[in-house]
């Protein structure tokens, strides 16, 4: 069951992420800069599989080697554990791709 997190839960969860995200306008936001366009596309492909598995989809834009992401649980009009699960998965995936 999806549950909207309160402000203290969001702050605590933000502090546990391995890469910094910000809370802005009701969204978790992050910009990932990759070494190449190909790495950015690898990231999108890998993360999209996870998105389908957990049925949670980001708002993201890609311009060359930069991907800007906004996460929010739309049906709750707020942030849930799914947003943090997906953001940490993105952090790990970014580190894996960029370390190759």
N, C-alpha and C. Protein backbone atom coordinates (compact mmCIF):
# COMPACT_ATOMS: atom_id res chain seq x y z
N UNK A 1 0.84 -1.19 0.00
CA UNK A 1 0.00 0.00 0.00
C UNK A 1 0.89 1.25 0.00
N UNK A 2 0.53 2.18 -0.84
CA UNK A 2 1.28 3.44 -0.91
C UNK A 2 0.78 4.38 0.18
N UNK A 3 1.75 5.02 0.84
CA UNK A 3 1.40 5.96 1.90
C UNK A 3 2.24 7.22 1.73
N UNK A 4 1.58 8.36 1.77
CA UNK A 4 2.27 9.64 1.67
C UNK A 4 3.11 9.87 2.92
N UNK A 5 4.38 10.25 2.72
CA UNK A 5 5.28 10.51 3.83
C UNK A 5 5.10 11.94 4.33
N UNK A 6 5.28 12.12 5.66
CA UNK A 6 5.22 13.47 6.20
C UNK A 6 6.61 14.11 6.08
N UNK A 7 6.69 15.38 6.42
CA UNK A 7 7.94 16.14 6.23
C UNK A 7 9.12 15.51 6.96
N UNK A 8 8.93 15.07 8.19
CA UNK A 8 10.05 14.48 8.94
C UNK A 8 10.50 13.17 8.32
N UNK A 9 9.58 12.38 7.81
CA UNK A 9 9.95 11.13 7.13
C UNK A 9 10.72 11.41 5.84
N UNK A 10 10.31 12.44 5.13
CA UNK A 10 10.99 12.82 3.89
C UNK A 10 12.42 13.28 4.20
N UNK A 11 12.58 14.12 5.20
CA UNK A 11 13.91 14.62 5.57
C UNK A 11 14.81 13.47 5.99
N UNK A 12 14.28 12.56 6.79
CA UNK A 12 15.07 11.40 7.21
C UNK A 12 15.47 10.53 6.02
N UNK A 13 14.54 10.28 5.12
CA UNK A 13 14.82 9.45 3.95
C UNK A 13 15.81 10.12 3.01
N UNK A 14 15.71 11.45 2.85
CA UNK A 14 16.68 12.19 2.03
C UNK A 14 18.10 12.01 2.56
N UNK A 15 18.24 12.01 3.87
CA UNK A 15 19.57 11.90 4.48
C UNK A 15 20.20 10.52 4.27
N UNK A 16 19.39 9.52 3.94
CA UNK A 16 19.89 8.16 3.75
C UNK A 16 20.30 7.86 2.31
N UNK A 17 19.96 8.72 1.37
CA UNK A 17 20.30 8.48 -0.03
C UNK A 17 21.81 8.60 -0.24
N UNK A 18 22.36 7.76 -1.12
CA UNK A 18 23.80 7.77 -1.36
C UNK A 18 24.26 8.95 -2.21
N UNK A 19 23.38 9.54 -2.99
CA UNK A 19 23.66 10.77 -3.74
C UNK A 19 22.60 11.79 -3.36
N UNK A 20 22.96 13.07 -3.42
CA UNK A 20 22.05 14.12 -2.98
C UNK A 20 20.90 14.35 -3.96
N UNK A 21 19.72 14.41 -3.40
CA UNK A 21 18.50 14.82 -4.09
C UNK A 21 17.96 16.01 -3.31
N UNK A 22 17.10 16.80 -3.94
CA UNK A 22 16.47 17.91 -3.24
C UNK A 22 14.95 17.76 -3.30
N UNK A 23 14.30 18.30 -2.30
CA UNK A 23 12.84 18.37 -2.29
C UNK A 23 12.47 19.78 -2.72
N UNK A 24 11.72 19.87 -3.81
CA UNK A 24 11.35 21.17 -4.35
C UNK A 24 9.98 21.08 -5.01
N UNK A 25 9.08 21.95 -4.61
CA UNK A 25 7.73 22.01 -5.18
C UNK A 25 6.99 20.67 -5.11
N UNK A 26 7.22 19.91 -4.04
CA UNK A 26 6.53 18.64 -3.87
C UNK A 26 7.13 17.47 -4.64
N UNK A 27 8.32 17.65 -5.19
CA UNK A 27 9.00 16.60 -5.95
C UNK A 27 10.39 16.36 -5.39
N UNK A 28 10.86 15.11 -5.46
CA UNK A 28 12.28 14.83 -5.28
C UNK A 28 12.92 15.12 -6.62
N UNK A 29 13.99 15.91 -6.63
CA UNK A 29 14.61 16.31 -7.89
C UNK A 29 16.10 16.04 -7.88
N UNK A 30 16.60 15.65 -9.05
CA UNK A 30 18.04 15.43 -9.22
C UNK A 30 18.38 15.57 -10.70
N UNK A 31 19.57 16.05 -10.95
CA UNK A 31 20.10 16.12 -12.31
C UNK A 31 21.34 15.22 -12.35
N UNK A 32 21.33 14.26 -13.26
CA UNK A 32 22.47 13.37 -13.45
C UNK A 32 23.21 13.79 -14.72
N UNK A 33 24.51 14.00 -14.60
CA UNK A 33 25.34 14.32 -15.76
C UNK A 33 26.25 13.12 -16.04
N UNK A 34 26.18 12.62 -17.26
CA UNK A 34 26.92 11.43 -17.67
C UNK A 34 28.12 11.80 -18.53
N UNK A 35 29.05 10.86 -18.66
CA UNK A 35 30.24 11.07 -19.49
C UNK A 35 29.88 11.15 -20.98
N UNK A 36 28.75 10.54 -21.34
CA UNK A 36 28.38 10.51 -22.76
C UNK A 36 26.86 10.34 -22.90
N UNK A 37 26.38 10.61 -24.10
CA UNK A 37 24.98 10.38 -24.44
C UNK A 37 24.65 8.90 -24.28
N UNK A 38 25.55 8.02 -24.73
CA UNK A 38 25.31 6.58 -24.63
C UNK A 38 25.12 6.15 -23.19
N UNK A 39 25.89 6.69 -22.27
CA UNK A 39 25.71 6.35 -20.86
C UNK A 39 24.36 6.82 -20.34
N UNK A 40 23.93 7.99 -20.78
CA UNK A 40 22.62 8.49 -20.36
C UNK A 40 21.51 7.56 -20.84
N UNK A 41 21.63 7.09 -22.06
CA UNK A 41 20.62 6.18 -22.61
C UNK A 41 20.66 4.82 -21.90
N UNK A 42 21.85 4.33 -21.57
CA UNK A 42 21.96 3.09 -20.78
C UNK A 42 21.20 3.23 -19.47
N UNK A 43 21.37 4.37 -18.83
CA UNK A 43 20.69 4.66 -17.57
C UNK A 43 19.17 4.61 -17.76
N UNK A 44 18.68 5.30 -18.77
CA UNK A 44 17.24 5.32 -19.05
C UNK A 44 16.71 3.91 -19.28
N UNK A 45 17.42 3.13 -20.07
CA UNK A 45 16.98 1.76 -20.36
C UNK A 45 16.92 0.91 -19.10
N UNK A 46 17.97 0.98 -18.29
CA UNK A 46 18.01 0.14 -17.09
C UNK A 46 16.96 0.59 -16.07
N UNK A 47 16.84 1.88 -15.85
CA UNK A 47 15.88 2.38 -14.87
C UNK A 47 14.45 2.13 -15.32
N UNK A 48 14.20 2.19 -16.61
CA UNK A 48 12.83 1.98 -17.10
C UNK A 48 12.33 0.57 -16.78
N UNK A 49 13.22 -0.41 -16.73
CA UNK A 49 12.82 -1.77 -16.35
C UNK A 49 12.35 -1.79 -14.90
N UNK A 50 13.09 -1.14 -14.02
CA UNK A 50 12.68 -1.06 -12.61
C UNK A 50 11.36 -0.32 -12.47
N UNK A 51 11.20 0.76 -13.23
CA UNK A 51 9.95 1.52 -13.17
C UNK A 51 8.75 0.63 -13.48
N UNK A 52 8.88 -0.20 -14.48
CA UNK A 52 7.80 -1.11 -14.84
C UNK A 52 7.57 -2.14 -13.75
N UNK A 53 8.65 -2.66 -13.18
CA UNK A 53 8.54 -3.69 -12.13
C UNK A 53 7.78 -3.17 -10.91
N UNK A 54 8.05 -1.94 -10.51
CA UNK A 54 7.39 -1.40 -9.32
C UNK A 54 6.19 -0.52 -9.67
N UNK A 55 5.91 -0.38 -10.95
CA UNK A 55 4.79 0.44 -11.43
C UNK A 55 4.85 1.86 -10.86
N UNK A 56 6.02 2.46 -11.03
CA UNK A 56 6.23 3.83 -10.56
C UNK A 56 7.14 4.52 -11.57
N UNK A 57 6.67 5.61 -12.14
CA UNK A 57 7.34 6.20 -13.29
C UNK A 57 7.71 7.67 -13.03
N UNK A 58 8.95 8.02 -13.38
CA UNK A 58 9.42 9.39 -13.14
C UNK A 58 9.01 10.35 -14.25
N UNK A 59 9.09 11.60 -13.92
CA UNK A 59 9.09 12.65 -14.95
C UNK A 59 10.56 12.91 -15.20
N UNK A 60 11.00 12.70 -16.45
CA UNK A 60 12.41 12.93 -16.73
C UNK A 60 12.58 13.50 -18.12
N UNK A 61 13.64 14.29 -18.25
CA UNK A 61 14.01 14.83 -19.55
C UNK A 61 15.48 14.51 -19.79
N UNK A 62 15.80 14.33 -21.06
CA UNK A 62 17.17 14.01 -21.44
C UNK A 62 17.61 14.98 -22.51
N UNK A 63 18.70 15.69 -22.23
CA UNK A 63 19.36 16.52 -23.24
C UNK A 63 20.81 16.11 -23.27
N UNK A 64 21.17 15.46 -24.35
CA UNK A 64 22.50 14.90 -24.57
C UNK A 64 22.93 14.02 -23.40
N UNK A 65 23.81 14.48 -22.53
CA UNK A 65 24.33 13.63 -21.46
C UNK A 65 23.77 14.00 -20.08
N UNK A 66 22.70 14.76 -20.06
CA UNK A 66 22.10 15.18 -18.79
C UNK A 66 20.66 14.69 -18.72
N UNK A 67 20.33 14.08 -17.57
CA UNK A 67 18.96 13.65 -17.32
C UNK A 67 18.47 14.35 -16.05
N UNK A 68 17.40 15.12 -16.21
CA UNK A 68 16.76 15.79 -15.08
C UNK A 68 15.55 14.98 -14.67
N UNK A 69 15.44 14.72 -13.37
CA UNK A 69 14.40 13.83 -12.86
C UNK A 69 13.58 14.52 -11.78
N UNK A 70 12.27 14.26 -11.83
CA UNK A 70 11.35 14.66 -10.78
C UNK A 70 10.54 13.44 -10.38
N UNK A 71 10.53 13.14 -9.08
CA UNK A 71 9.77 12.00 -8.56
C UNK A 71 8.69 12.47 -7.60
N UNK A 72 7.53 11.87 -7.73
CA UNK A 72 6.39 12.18 -6.89
C UNK A 72 5.39 11.05 -7.09
N UNK A 73 4.69 10.67 -6.05
CA UNK A 73 3.64 9.65 -6.18
C UNK A 73 2.34 10.39 -6.49
N UNK A 74 2.02 10.43 -7.77
CA UNK A 74 0.94 11.29 -8.27
C UNK A 74 -0.41 10.99 -7.63
N UNK A 75 -0.73 9.70 -7.44
CA UNK A 75 -2.04 9.39 -6.89
C UNK A 75 -2.16 9.78 -5.42
N UNK A 76 -1.04 10.05 -4.75
CA UNK A 76 -1.06 10.52 -3.36
C UNK A 76 -0.81 12.03 -3.28
N UNK A 77 -0.45 12.63 -4.39
CA UNK A 77 -0.08 14.05 -4.43
C UNK A 77 1.00 14.36 -3.40
N UNK A 78 2.03 13.51 -3.40
CA UNK A 78 3.13 13.71 -2.46
C UNK A 78 4.23 12.69 -2.66
N UNK A 79 5.10 12.60 -1.69
CA UNK A 79 6.26 11.71 -1.73
C UNK A 79 5.95 10.44 -0.93
N UNK A 80 6.30 9.28 -1.50
CA UNK A 80 6.10 8.00 -0.81
C UNK A 80 7.43 7.23 -0.80
N UNK A 81 7.41 6.08 -0.13
CA UNK A 81 8.59 5.21 -0.11
C UNK A 81 9.01 4.80 -1.52
N UNK A 82 8.05 4.68 -2.42
CA UNK A 82 8.38 4.31 -3.81
C UNK A 82 9.33 5.33 -4.43
N UNK A 83 9.13 6.60 -4.11
CA UNK A 83 10.01 7.64 -4.66
C UNK A 83 11.44 7.45 -4.16
N UNK A 84 11.58 7.08 -2.91
CA UNK A 84 12.92 6.86 -2.36
C UNK A 84 13.52 5.55 -2.86
N UNK A 85 12.70 4.54 -3.04
CA UNK A 85 13.19 3.28 -3.60
C UNK A 85 13.73 3.51 -5.00
N UNK A 86 12.98 4.24 -5.81
CA UNK A 86 13.41 4.51 -7.18
C UNK A 86 14.61 5.46 -7.22
N UNK A 87 14.62 6.47 -6.37
CA UNK A 87 15.75 7.41 -6.39
C UNK A 87 17.06 6.71 -6.01
N UNK A 88 17.02 5.83 -5.02
CA UNK A 88 18.24 5.12 -4.63
C UNK A 88 18.66 4.14 -5.73
N UNK A 89 17.70 3.52 -6.38
CA UNK A 89 18.02 2.65 -7.52
C UNK A 89 18.71 3.47 -8.62
N UNK A 90 18.22 4.66 -8.86
CA UNK A 90 18.84 5.54 -9.86
C UNK A 90 20.26 5.91 -9.44
N UNK A 91 20.47 6.20 -8.17
CA UNK A 91 21.81 6.52 -7.68
C UNK A 91 22.77 5.37 -7.94
N UNK A 92 22.36 4.17 -7.59
CA UNK A 92 23.21 2.98 -7.78
C UNK A 92 23.48 2.76 -9.25
N UNK A 93 22.45 2.87 -10.06
CA UNK A 93 22.60 2.66 -11.51
C UNK A 93 23.55 3.71 -12.12
N UNK A 94 23.40 4.94 -11.70
CA UNK A 94 24.30 6.00 -12.18
C UNK A 94 25.75 5.66 -11.85
N UNK A 95 26.00 5.29 -10.61
CA UNK A 95 27.37 4.96 -10.19
C UNK A 95 27.94 3.77 -10.96
N UNK A 96 27.10 2.76 -11.21
CA UNK A 96 27.55 1.61 -11.98
C UNK A 96 27.92 1.99 -13.42
N UNK A 97 27.08 2.76 -14.05
CA UNK A 97 27.31 3.15 -15.45
C UNK A 97 28.52 4.06 -15.58
N UNK A 98 28.65 5.01 -14.69
CA UNK A 98 29.73 5.98 -14.78
C UNK A 98 31.07 5.42 -14.32
N UNK A 99 31.07 4.30 -13.61
CA UNK A 99 32.34 3.71 -13.17
C UNK A 99 32.95 2.78 -14.21
N UNK A 100 32.18 2.45 -15.25
CA UNK A 100 32.72 1.57 -16.33
C UNK A 100 33.79 2.26 -17.13
